[in-house]
């Protein structure tokens, strides 16, 4: 792997890690209800899975394994966006703004992993 590809790989690792951290900080500001608690659990799992599967993709044993892991990353980023849309923010403007920012990041990650899958297949 060239030095430029290595830098890009680690940038995406950092970006997915930062996304998961931001999600964890975001959910601390959400009201707790039965529905929100369940949606928050799903959101936290999906957001962490994006980066974890990207790390797995970089350690893939074959091209087929890499593509599968990249598809899982794309799926988990899409799922994160879905759960973000479902959680109740109780109408707090600052929390709504962060949700929109996180949803945008989830969409960008979905697009990035989609491009990786298309170029790798």
Protein backbone atom coordinates (compact mmCIF):
# COMPACT_ATOMS: atom_id res chain seq x y z
CA UNK A 1 0.00 0.00 0.00
CA UNK A 2 1.36 3.40 -0.95
CA UNK A 3 1.95 6.09 1.67
CA UNK A 4 -0.96 8.15 0.26
CA UNK A 5 -3.38 5.18 0.54
CA UNK A 6 -2.19 4.52 4.09
CA UNK A 7 -2.92 8.13 5.05
CA UNK A 8 -6.41 7.94 3.51
CA UNK A 9 -7.13 4.65 5.27
CA UNK A 10 -6.24 6.08 8.64
CA UNK A 11 -8.14 9.30 7.93
CA UNK A 12 -11.29 7.23 7.37
CA UNK A 13 -10.55 5.20 10.51
CA UNK A 14 -10.28 8.45 12.43
CA UNK A 15 -13.41 9.83 10.82
CA UNK A 16 -15.51 6.77 11.66
CA UNK A 17 -14.13 6.78 15.22
CA UNK A 18 -14.99 10.47 15.59
CA UNK A 19 -18.50 9.76 14.26
CA UNK A 20 -19.04 7.09 16.92
CA UNK A 21 -17.70 9.41 19.63
CA UNK A 22 -19.97 12.25 18.52
CA UNK A 23 -22.96 9.90 18.60
CA UNK A 24 -22.10 8.92 22.17
CA UNK A 25 -21.88 12.57 23.23
CA UNK A 26 -25.13 13.36 21.38
CA UNK A 27 -27.19 10.65 23.07
CA UNK A 28 -26.24 11.98 26.51
CA UNK A 29 -28.44 15.00 25.72
CA UNK A 30 -31.53 13.04 24.73
CA UNK A 31 -34.58 12.57 26.96
CA UNK A 32 -35.02 9.03 28.25
CA UNK A 33 -38.23 7.23 27.43
CA UNK A 34 -38.81 3.58 26.63
CA UNK A 35 -38.77 4.20 22.88
CA UNK A 36 -35.81 6.57 22.99
CA UNK A 37 -33.77 4.17 25.13
CA UNK A 38 -34.24 1.41 22.56
CA UNK A 39 -33.52 3.71 19.62
CA UNK A 40 -30.42 5.08 21.38
CA UNK A 41 -29.09 1.53 21.88
CA UNK A 42 -29.52 0.78 18.20
CA UNK A 43 -27.91 4.09 17.21
CA UNK A 44 -24.88 3.56 19.43
CA UNK A 45 -24.40 0.01 18.09
CA UNK A 46 -24.74 1.00 14.44
CA UNK A 47 -22.45 4.04 14.74
CA UNK A 48 -19.68 2.01 16.40
CA UNK A 49 -20.07 -0.77 13.88
CA UNK A 50 -19.19 1.52 10.97
CA UNK A 51 -15.62 2.01 12.19
CA UNK A 52 -15.20 -1.48 13.59
CA UNK A 53 -16.11 -3.03 10.26
CA UNK A 54 -13.83 -0.62 8.43
CA UNK A 55 -10.93 -1.83 10.57
CA UNK A 56 -11.97 -5.40 9.71
CA UNK A 57 -12.08 -4.48 6.01
CA UNK A 58 -8.51 -3.23 6.18
CA UNK A 59 -7.48 -6.57 7.63
CA UNK A 60 -9.48 -8.55 5.07
CA UNK A 61 -8.05 -11.86 3.91
CA UNK A 62 -9.34 -11.44 0.36
CA UNK A 63 -10.88 -8.89 -1.96
CA UNK A 64 -14.26 -10.58 -1.50
CA UNK A 65 -13.93 -10.23 2.28
CA UNK A 66 -12.94 -6.55 1.90
CA UNK A 67 -15.98 -5.81 -0.27
CA UNK A 68 -18.28 -7.60 2.20
CA UNK A 69 -16.94 -5.55 5.12
CA UNK A 70 -17.21 -2.31 3.12
CA UNK A 71 -20.84 -3.18 2.35
CA UNK A 72 -21.45 -3.71 6.06
CA UNK A 73 -19.90 -0.30 6.77
CA UNK A 74 -22.27 1.25 4.23
CA UNK A 75 -25.24 -0.58 5.76
CA UNK A 76 -24.34 0.49 9.30
CA UNK A 77 -23.88 4.13 8.23
CA UNK A 78 -27.35 4.03 6.61
CA UNK A 79 -28.76 2.43 9.74
CA UNK A 80 -27.15 5.13 11.92
CA UNK A 81 -28.92 7.78 9.87
CA UNK A 82 -32.22 5.94 10.28
CA UNK A 83 -31.89 5.77 14.08
CA UNK A 84 -30.85 9.42 14.19
CA UNK A 85 -34.09 10.31 12.44
CA UNK A 86 -36.09 8.27 14.97
CA UNK A 87 -34.70 9.52 18.28
CA UNK A 88 -36.72 12.15 20.11
CA UNK A 89 -34.76 15.34 20.79
CA UNK A 90 -37.64 16.99 22.69
CA UNK A 91 -37.38 19.86 20.23
CA UNK A 92 -34.15 21.26 21.71
CA UNK A 93 -32.59 23.48 19.03
CA UNK A 94 -28.96 22.63 19.86
CA UNK A 95 -29.69 18.92 19.97
CA UNK A 96 -31.63 19.15 16.68
CA UNK A 97 -28.68 20.90 15.07
CA UNK A 98 -26.27 18.19 16.19
CA UNK A 99 -28.67 15.50 14.97
CA UNK A 100 -28.75 17.14 11.53
CA UNK A 101 -24.97 17.39 11.48
CA UNK A 102 -24.61 13.72 12.47
CA UNK A 103 -27.20 12.66 9.89
CA UNK A 104 -25.20 14.52 7.25
CA UNK A 105 -22.01 12.74 8.36
CA UNK A 106 -23.82 9.39 8.25
CA UNK A 107 -24.93 10.18 4.68
CA UNK A 108 -21.39 11.15 3.68
CA UNK A 109 -20.01 7.93 5.18
CA UNK A 110 -22.69 5.98 3.29
CA UNK A 111 -21.59 7.67 0.06
CA UNK A 112 -17.90 7.03 0.76
CA UNK A 113 -18.42 3.34 1.48
CA UNK A 114 -20.72 3.06 -1.52
CA UNK A 115 -17.93 4.44 -3.72
CA UNK A 116 -15.42 2.04 -2.15
CA UNK A 117 -17.73 -0.90 -2.88
CA UNK A 118 -18.31 0.19 -6.49
CA UNK A 119 -14.59 0.65 -7.15
CA UNK A 120 -13.68 -2.64 -5.47
CA UNK A 121 -16.21 -4.93 -7.15
